[in-house]
Amino acid sequence: MRKNGTTTKGTTRWRCTTCGASTTNTRTDDHHARRFQLFINWIQSPQSLTTLAQQHRVTRRTLTRWFHNYWYVEVPRNTDHHRIYDQLFIDGTYFNTKCLLIACTFDHVVAWRWCTKEDSYNYTRLFDQLQPPLIVTTDGQKGALKAITTAWPTTKIQRCLVHIKRNIQQHVTLNPKLKPGKALRKLSLNLLKVHTANDAATWMTQLHEFHTVYRDWLNEKTYTTDVSQSEIPGFVRPTATWWYTHYRHRRAYRQLEKLARQGHLFTFVNPPDGVEGTIKSTTNCLEGGINAQIKALARNHRGMIDEHQRIAVDWWLYLHTQLPDDPVKIARQQHWGQDALAKADVLIQQEQPDAHRDDGRPALYDTGIDATPTNSIGIRSGWAGRHN
């Protein structure tokens, strides 16, 4: 064979020097590599499938056909199960009925887990992938706190100060009218201004002074005999005879006092031995750097089926780990998804050994209706012809 010009698409044409037959020599592997890279670029970008098809001068259906097998490429996990991190950030975010738990450092994703709800069991399964870090920062979700104390008892906890500020704001409102409410609001804002151990000591002094001044006011009680039935708050038990009059302000103070007593407020200014570098006091790097971008990805590709949405998010998370491998190389090792697709076909055949069952039950999977007349229901006129 020798070169004999190119085709209209630019492909090299080869001609046999003996018989004169002309042909082209293409490598399907190169086609898959280019198309899979296009697939990865698409699911990681806000571009729609229709716009992408127009740019490459093909139809949307053609791109769907190109990408069909690529959804079966398994996204790897490169979590280092032996590394001990100085600080990890954990949080959960929801996608309709699914929940995604993520553990990350300040600049890259470490591990993640898909589940249905944000509870201690699923957080524990996430922690099973990792060694206990020196410090873990969380927004205070009850399931996360329970899992930390159970799975990582030696790990120091740093509560997100921004979330604490928001919690206090929910109790005393954004613009409180009473002086105790204004003082609590000021204490929550001052939390974000703590940067050193001296700042933390000053804040603790302010919290103690608040309790000294307003202790009697916080302990005031209202008795059911002194008010009408309509004035009793909804949280009061039917058998209760009294409740704290300023229960919202009391809850806000008790939350700050409990966190200060547990030592979850200022771990970042007094880190344990072995910690190097700066410790963060919030989960902003996870909330805004990861969760927000994942939600944007799901919003840009809204309409995907749940499984495709999960795969797209998995690829985004994997590509934002510390040392991700080349996605094209990963797909090539898995024969561009054909291995997983073949396994799926085998499983379907195993679940359906015979479409015609002796007991008359219908097939588990089928590609069309049975045109053979049965005693159960007749085929309507024109029905079989349209669907076969």
Protein backbone atom coordinates (compact mmCIF):
# COMPACT_ATOMS: atom_id res chain seq x y z
CA MET A 1 0.00 0.00 0.00
CA ARG A 2 1.13 3.55 -0.66
CA LYS A 3 -0.33 6.95 0.08
CA ASN A 4 -2.72 8.22 -2.53
CA GLY A 5 -3.97 11.66 -1.45
CA THR A 6 -6.78 12.27 1.02
CA THR A 7 -10.55 12.01 1.18
CA THR A 8 -12.91 14.97 1.36
CA LYS A 9 -12.69 14.78 5.17
CA GLY A 10 -8.89 14.93 5.10
CA THR A 11 -8.29 11.24 5.85
CA THR A 12 -5.24 9.71 4.17
CA ARG A 13 -6.16 7.40 1.29
CA TRP A 14 -4.08 4.25 0.62
CA ARG A 15 -3.86 2.36 -2.68
CA CYS A 16 -2.58 -1.15 -3.29
CA THR A 17 0.35 -1.16 -5.72
CA THR A 18 -0.66 -4.62 -7.05
CA CYS A 19 -4.42 -4.56 -7.58
CA GLY A 20 -5.07 -0.80 -7.33
CA ALA A 21 -7.69 -1.12 -4.56
CA SER A 22 -8.15 2.06 -2.52
CA THR A 23 -8.97 2.21 1.16
CA THR A 24 -8.50 4.27 4.31
CA ASN A 25 -6.95 3.12 7.57
CA THR A 26 -8.63 4.51 10.68
CA ARG A 27 -8.01 3.80 14.38
CA THR A 28 -11.18 3.48 16.43
CA ASP A 29 -9.13 4.12 19.55
CA ASP A 30 -8.30 7.63 18.36
CA HIS A 31 -11.97 8.30 17.65
CA HIS A 32 -12.93 7.19 21.15
CA ALA A 33 -10.18 9.29 22.72
CA ARG A 34 -11.37 12.46 20.99
CA ARG A 35 -15.02 11.75 21.70
CA PHE A 36 -14.47 10.85 25.34
CA GLN A 37 -12.50 14.04 25.90
CA LEU A 38 -15.41 15.88 24.31
CA PHE A 39 -17.75 14.02 26.69
CA ILE A 40 -15.73 15.04 29.76
CA ASN A 41 -15.49 18.65 28.63
CA TRP A 42 -19.25 18.76 28.09
CA ILE A 43 -20.34 17.40 31.49
CA GLN A 44 -17.89 19.73 33.26
CA SER A 45 -19.07 22.84 31.38
CA PRO A 46 -22.35 24.79 31.37
CA GLN A 47 -22.77 24.15 27.65
CA SER A 48 -25.91 22.35 26.50
CA LEU A 49 -25.82 19.24 24.34
CA THR A 50 -27.65 21.06 21.55
CA THR A 51 -25.07 23.87 21.44
CA LEU A 52 -22.23 21.35 21.45
CA ALA A 53 -23.82 19.47 18.56
CA GLN A 54 -24.12 22.67 16.53
CA GLN A 55 -20.46 23.51 17.12
CA HIS A 56 -19.36 20.11 15.79
CA ARG A 57 -21.89 20.14 12.95
CA VAL A 58 -23.68 17.00 14.04
CA THR A 59 -27.12 16.35 15.44
CA ARG A 60 -27.96 16.05 19.11
CA ARG A 61 -28.91 12.42 18.53
CA THR A 62 -25.45 11.74 17.08
CA LEU A 63 -23.77 13.08 20.23
CA THR A 64 -26.10 10.97 22.37
CA ARG A 65 -25.06 7.91 20.37
CA TRP A 66 -21.36 8.80 20.72
CA PHE A 67 -21.65 9.23 24.49
CA HIS A 68 -23.83 6.16 25.15
CA ASN A 69 -21.05 3.80 26.27
CA TYR A 70 -19.09 6.49 28.10
CA TRP A 71 -21.67 6.64 30.89
CA TYR A 72 -20.52 3.12 31.81
CA VAL A 73 -16.91 4.15 32.47
CA GLU A 74 -16.40 3.74 36.21
CA VAL A 75 -15.08 6.83 37.97
CA PRO A 76 -12.07 5.79 40.11
CA ARG A 77 -11.37 6.81 43.70
CA ASN A 78 -7.84 7.87 44.56
CA THR A 79 -8.39 8.46 48.28
CA ASP A 80 -5.23 7.94 50.32
CA HIS A 81 -6.39 5.64 53.12
CA HIS A 82 -3.20 6.08 55.15
CA ARG A 83 -2.64 9.83 55.06
CA ILE A 84 -3.36 11.86 58.20
CA TYR A 85 -4.60 15.35 57.36
CA ASP A 86 -4.16 18.39 59.58
CA GLN A 87 -7.69 19.63 58.88
CA LEU A 88 -10.66 18.23 56.98
CA PHE A 89 -13.95 19.91 56.13
CA ILE A 90 -17.11 17.80 55.97
CA ASP A 91 -20.60 18.64 54.79
CA GLY A 92 -23.60 17.20 52.99
CA THR A 93 -25.61 18.61 50.09
CA TYR A 94 -28.87 17.36 48.57
CA PHE A 95 -29.92 16.63 44.99
CA ASN A 96 -33.65 15.99 44.95
CA THR A 97 -33.84 12.64 46.83
CA LYS A 98 -30.07 12.01 46.98
CA CYS A 99 -27.53 13.28 49.50
CA LEU A 100 -23.83 13.72 48.82
CA LEU A 101 -21.38 13.73 51.74
CA ILE A 102 -17.98 15.29 50.99
CA ALA A 103 -14.71 15.44 52.89
CA CYS A 104 -12.09 17.86 51.59
CA THR A 105 -9.07 19.93 52.50
CA PHE A 106 -8.76 23.63 51.83
CA ASP A 107 -7.81 23.09 48.17
CA HIS A 108 -8.90 19.62 46.99
CA VAL A 109 -11.50 16.88 47.42
CA VAL A 110 -10.49 13.89 49.54
CA ALA A 111 -13.49 11.51 49.65
CA TRP A 112 -17.24 11.45 49.06
CA ARG A 113 -20.24 9.19 49.56
CA TRP A 114 -23.72 9.05 48.01
CA CYS A 115 -26.61 8.28 50.35
CA THR A 116 -30.25 9.14 50.99
CA LYS A 117 -29.92 11.18 54.17
CA GLU A 118 -27.32 12.98 56.25
CA ASP A 119 -27.07 10.81 59.36
CA SER A 120 -24.38 9.32 61.60
CA TYR A 121 -24.33 5.96 59.78
CA ASN A 122 -23.51 7.47 56.38
CA TYR A 123 -20.96 9.86 57.88
CA THR A 124 -19.30 6.88 59.57
CA ARG A 125 -19.11 5.07 56.21
CA LEU A 126 -17.48 8.19 54.76
CA PHE A 127 -14.97 8.26 57.63
CA ASP A 128 -14.11 4.58 57.03
CA GLN A 129 -12.23 5.70 53.91
CA LEU A 130 -9.91 7.98 55.90
CA GLN A 131 -7.55 8.13 58.82
CA PRO A 132 -8.64 10.38 61.72
CA PRO A 133 -7.46 13.95 60.99
CA LEU A 134 -6.11 16.24 63.67
CA ILE A 135 -8.98 18.73 63.22
CA VAL A 136 -12.34 18.39 61.50
CA THR A 137 -14.53 21.39 60.69
CA THR A 138 -18.29 20.93 60.43
CA ASP A 139 -21.44 23.03 60.38
CA GLY A 140 -22.79 21.24 63.44
CA GLN A 141 -25.13 18.68 61.87
CA LYS A 142 -26.10 16.18 64.59
CA GLY A 143 -25.30 13.08 62.54
CA ALA A 144 -21.84 14.43 61.70
CA LEU A 145 -21.06 15.26 65.34
CA LYS A 146 -22.16 11.81 66.50
CA ALA A 147 -20.07 10.09 63.83
CA ILE A 148 -17.00 12.17 64.72
CA THR A 149 -17.15 11.32 68.41
CA THR A 150 -17.67 7.64 67.57
CA ALA A 151 -15.27 7.06 64.67
CA TRP A 152 -12.67 9.77 65.42
CA PRO A 153 -12.68 10.21 69.22
CA THR A 154 -9.22 11.82 69.29
CA THR A 155 -9.98 14.39 66.57
CA LYS A 156 -10.54 17.99 67.63
CA ILE A 157 -13.75 19.63 66.40
CA GLN A 158 -13.97 23.13 64.99
CA ARG A 159 -17.51 24.37 64.50
CA CYS A 160 -18.08 26.68 61.55
CA LEU A 161 -18.36 30.18 63.02
CA VAL A 162 -20.48 31.43 60.13
CA HIS A 163 -23.11 28.78 60.81
CA ILE A 164 -23.08 29.66 64.52
CA LYS A 165 -23.66 33.30 63.65
CA ARG A 166 -26.61 32.29 61.49
CA ASN A 167 -28.07 30.12 64.25
CA ILE A 168 -27.96 32.99 66.74
CA GLN A 169 -29.51 35.25 64.13
CA GLN A 170 -32.45 32.83 63.79
CA HIS A 171 -33.10 33.08 67.55
CA VAL A 172 -32.74 36.84 68.11
CA THR A 173 -33.60 38.00 64.53
CA LEU A 174 -31.51 40.20 62.27
CA ASN A 175 -32.47 43.43 64.06
CA PRO A 176 -33.32 42.60 67.69
CA LYS A 177 -35.25 45.22 69.69
CA LEU A 178 -34.32 44.18 73.23
CA LYS A 179 -30.91 44.94 74.72
CA PRO A 180 -30.11 41.25 75.50
CA GLY A 181 -30.92 40.38 71.90
CA LYS A 182 -28.65 43.13 70.63
CA ALA A 183 -25.88 41.90 72.92
CA LEU A 184 -26.24 38.32 71.67
CA ARG A 185 -26.26 39.54 68.09
CA LYS A 186 -23.07 41.50 68.78
CA LEU A 187 -21.44 38.42 70.35
CA SER A 188 -22.24 36.34 67.24
CA LEU A 189 -20.74 38.97 64.95
CA ASN A 190 -17.64 39.27 67.12
CA LEU A 191 -17.03 35.56 66.63
CA LEU A 192 -16.01 36.27 63.05
CA LYS A 193 -13.47 38.84 64.26
CA VAL A 194 -11.53 36.35 66.41
CA HIS A 195 -8.11 35.64 64.87
CA THR A 196 -5.77 35.10 67.83
CA ALA A 197 -5.82 33.51 71.26
CA ASN A 198 -6.13 36.97 72.86
CA ASP A 199 -9.20 37.69 70.72
CA ALA A 200 -10.72 34.38 71.86
CA ALA A 201 -10.05 35.20 75.53
CA THR A 202 -11.67 38.62 75.08
CA TRP A 203 -14.74 37.05 73.51
CA MET A 204 -15.05 34.51 76.33
CA THR A 205 -14.93 37.40 78.82
CA GLN A 206 -17.74 39.15 76.95
CA LEU A 207 -19.86 36.00 77.04
CA HIS A 208 -19.31 35.70 80.80
CA GLU A 209 -20.23 39.34 81.30
CA PHE A 210 -23.44 38.85 79.35
CA HIS A 211 -24.48 36.02 81.65
CA THR A 212 -23.62 38.05 84.71
CA VAL A 213 -25.75 40.99 83.59
CA TYR A 214 -28.75 39.14 82.16
CA ARG A 215 -28.78 35.92 84.22
CA ASP A 216 -31.92 36.84 86.15
CA TRP A 217 -33.62 38.08 83.00
CA LEU A 218 -32.88 34.80 81.17
CA ASN A 219 -34.27 32.80 84.11
CA GLU A 220 -37.63 34.58 84.16
CA LYS A 221 -40.56 32.16 83.89
CA THR A 222 -44.13 32.41 82.66
CA TYR A 223 -46.82 30.20 84.22
CA THR A 224 -49.75 28.79 82.32
CA THR A 225 -52.14 30.16 84.93
CA ASP A 226 -51.09 33.72 84.09
CA VAL A 227 -51.79 33.64 80.32
CA SER A 228 -54.53 32.49 78.01
CA GLN A 229 -54.38 29.21 76.12
CA SER A 230 -53.68 30.97 72.82
CA GLU A 231 -50.58 32.66 74.25
CA ILE A 232 -48.83 29.39 75.17
CA PRO A 233 -45.95 28.64 72.72
CA GLY A 234 -46.23 25.53 70.59
CA PHE A 235 -43.15 23.85 72.06
CA VAL A 236 -44.64 23.76 75.58
CA ARG A 237 -45.89 20.30 76.57
CA PRO A 238 -49.60 20.02 77.43
CA THR A 239 -48.72 18.89 80.96
CA ALA A 240 -46.20 21.71 81.56
CA THR A 241 -47.08 24.43 84.05
CA TRP A 242 -44.41 26.99 83.06
CA TRP A 243 -41.76 27.90 80.51
CA TYR A 244 -38.90 30.38 80.23
CA THR A 245 -40.30 33.76 79.22
CA HIS A 246 -37.39 34.72 76.97
CA TYR A 247 -36.83 31.22 75.63
CA ARG A 248 -35.39 32.35 72.27
CA HIS A 249 -32.68 34.48 73.87
CA ARG A 250 -32.01 31.75 76.41
CA ARG A 251 -31.53 29.19 73.61
CA ALA A 252 -29.10 31.49 71.83
CA TYR A 253 -27.04 32.01 74.98
CA ARG A 254 -27.12 28.31 75.90
CA GLN A 255 -25.84 27.40 72.45
CA LEU A 256 -22.87 29.77 72.74
CA GLU A 257 -22.16 28.65 76.30
CA LYS A 258 -22.29 24.96 75.39
CA LEU A 259 -19.96 25.35 72.40
CA ALA A 260 -17.50 27.37 74.49
CA ARG A 261 -17.57 24.74 77.23
CA GLN A 262 -17.00 21.90 74.73
CA GLY A 263 -14.07 23.74 73.15
CA HIS A 264 -15.54 23.71 69.63
CA LEU A 265 -15.32 27.46 69.01
CA PHE A 266 -11.63 28.32 69.00
CA THR A 267 -9.78 25.16 68.02
CA PHE A 268 -8.32 27.10 65.09
CA VAL A 269 -6.41 29.47 67.42
CA ASN A 270 -5.24 26.67 69.72
CA PRO A 271 -4.62 23.68 67.41
CA PRO A 272 -3.30 20.33 68.69
CA ASP A 273 0.34 19.33 68.41
CA GLY A 274 1.50 18.40 64.92
CA VAL A 275 -0.68 20.85 63.02
CA GLU A 276 1.23 22.89 60.43
CA GLY A 277 -0.01 25.93 58.58
CA THR A 278 -3.12 28.04 59.05
CA ILE A 279 -6.33 26.48 60.35
CA LYS A 280 -9.64 27.76 59.01
CA SER A 281 -12.62 28.53 61.25
CA THR A 282 -15.38 28.10 58.65
CA THR A 283 -16.53 25.64 55.99
CA ASN A 284 -16.61 28.34 53.30
CA CYS A 285 -14.08 26.50 51.14
CA LEU A 286 -16.48 23.54 50.98
CA GLU A 287 -19.75 25.44 50.80
CA GLY A 288 -18.67 27.90 48.12
CA GLY A 289 -15.76 26.11 46.49
CA ILE A 290 -17.30 22.66 46.00
CA ASN A 291 -21.00 22.46 46.87
CA ALA A 292 -21.89 25.60 44.96
CA GLN A 293 -20.06 24.44 41.83
CA ILE A 294 -21.65 20.99 41.98
CA LYS A 295 -25.10 22.54 42.29
CA ALA A 296 -24.28 24.77 39.31
CA LEU A 297 -23.23 21.70 37.30
CA ALA A 298 -26.51 19.95 38.10
CA ARG A 299 -28.47 23.09 37.26
CA ASN A 300 -26.68 23.57 33.92
CA HIS A 301 -27.45 19.98 32.92
CA ARG A 302 -30.92 19.79 34.43
CA GLY A 303 -33.03 17.10 32.84
CA MET A 304 -30.41 14.37 33.17
CA ILE A 305 -31.59 11.10 34.65
CA ASP A 306 -30.44 10.56 38.23
CA GLU A 307 -27.73 8.06 37.33
CA HIS A 308 -26.19 10.34 34.70
CA GLN A 309 -26.28 13.26 37.11
CA ARG A 310 -24.45 11.18 39.71
CA ILE A 311 -21.78 10.14 37.19
CA ALA A 312 -21.26 13.74 36.08
CA VAL A 313 -20.82 14.86 39.70
CA ASP A 314 -18.43 11.94 40.34
CA TRP A 315 -16.24 13.03 37.45
CA TRP A 316 -16.21 16.62 38.75
CA LEU A 317 -15.20 15.45 42.22
CA TYR A 318 -12.52 13.10 40.88
CA LEU A 319 -11.00 15.80 38.69
CA HIS A 320 -10.77 18.06 41.78
CA THR A 321 -8.87 15.56 43.90
CA GLN A 322 -5.19 16.18 44.56
CA LEU A 323 -3.67 14.01 41.81
CA PRO A 324 -6.33 12.94 39.29
CA ASP A 325 -5.31 10.72 36.40
CA ASP A 326 -6.12 11.49 32.76
CA PRO A 327 -9.81 10.59 32.15
CA VAL A 328 -9.01 9.40 28.62
CA LYS A 329 -6.43 6.97 30.01
CA ILE A 330 -8.98 5.68 32.53
CA ALA A 331 -11.60 5.17 29.83
CA ARG A 332 -9.10 3.42 27.55
CA GLN A 333 -8.27 0.93 30.32
CA GLN A 334 -11.98 0.13 30.60
CA HIS A 335 -12.37 -0.18 26.80
CA TRP A 336 -14.46 2.99 26.67
CA GLY A 337 -17.20 1.56 28.87
CA GLN A 338 -17.72 -1.61 26.85
CA ASP A 339 -16.56 -3.84 29.71
CA ALA A 340 -19.20 -2.52 32.13
CA LEU A 341 -21.86 -2.60 29.41
CA ALA A 342 -21.10 -6.24 28.70
CA LYS A 343 -21.41 -7.07 32.41
CA ALA A 344 -24.79 -5.32 32.52
CA ASP A 345 -26.03 -7.39 29.56
CA VAL A 346 -24.89 -10.59 31.29
CA LEU A 347 -26.73 -9.64 34.49
CA ILE A 348 -29.92 -8.98 32.52
CA GLN A 349 -29.66 -12.39 30.87
CA GLN A 350 -29.12 -14.05 34.26
CA GLU A 351 -32.19 -12.35 35.69
CA GLN A 352 -34.25 -13.43 32.68
CA PRO A 353 -33.18 -16.98 31.70
CA ASP A 354 -36.32 -17.57 29.66
CA ALA A 355 -38.85 -15.10 28.39
CA HIS A 356 -41.54 -17.81 28.09
CA ARG A 357 -42.25 -19.00 31.62
CA ASP A 358 -44.14 -22.19 32.37
CA ASP A 359 -46.31 -20.51 34.98
CA GLY A 360 -47.51 -17.82 32.57
CA ARG A 361 -45.73 -14.89 34.24
CA PRO A 362 -44.51 -12.11 31.91
CA ALA A 363 -40.81 -11.64 31.16
CA LEU A 364 -38.80 -9.41 33.50
CA TYR A 365 -37.33 -7.53 30.51
CA ASP A 366 -38.62 -7.41 26.98
CA THR A 367 -38.25 -5.36 23.81
CA GLY A 368 -41.84 -5.46 22.58
CA ILE A 369 -45.26 -6.99 23.05
CA ASP A 370 -45.94 -10.62 22.26
CA ALA A 371 -47.84 -10.95 19.00
CA THR A 372 -48.95 -14.50 19.86
CA PRO A 373 -52.65 -14.56 20.85
CA THR A 374 -53.26 -15.52 24.47
CA ASN A 375 -56.33 -16.24 26.57
CA SER A 376 -55.72 -13.25 28.85
CA ILE A 377 -56.01 -10.21 26.60
CA GLY A 378 -56.32 -9.83 22.88
CA ILE A 379 -54.18 -7.53 20.76
CA ARG A 380 -56.15 -4.60 19.47
CA SER A 381 -56.32 -3.83 15.78
CA GLY A 382 -53.17 -2.11 14.57
CA TRP A 383 -51.44 -2.33 17.98
CA ALA A 384 -48.97 -5.09 17.20
CA GLY A 385 -48.13 -3.59 13.84
CA ARG A 386 -47.21 -0.24 15.35
CA HIS A 387 -44.99 -1.60 18.12
CA ASN A 388 -43.24 -4.56 16.48
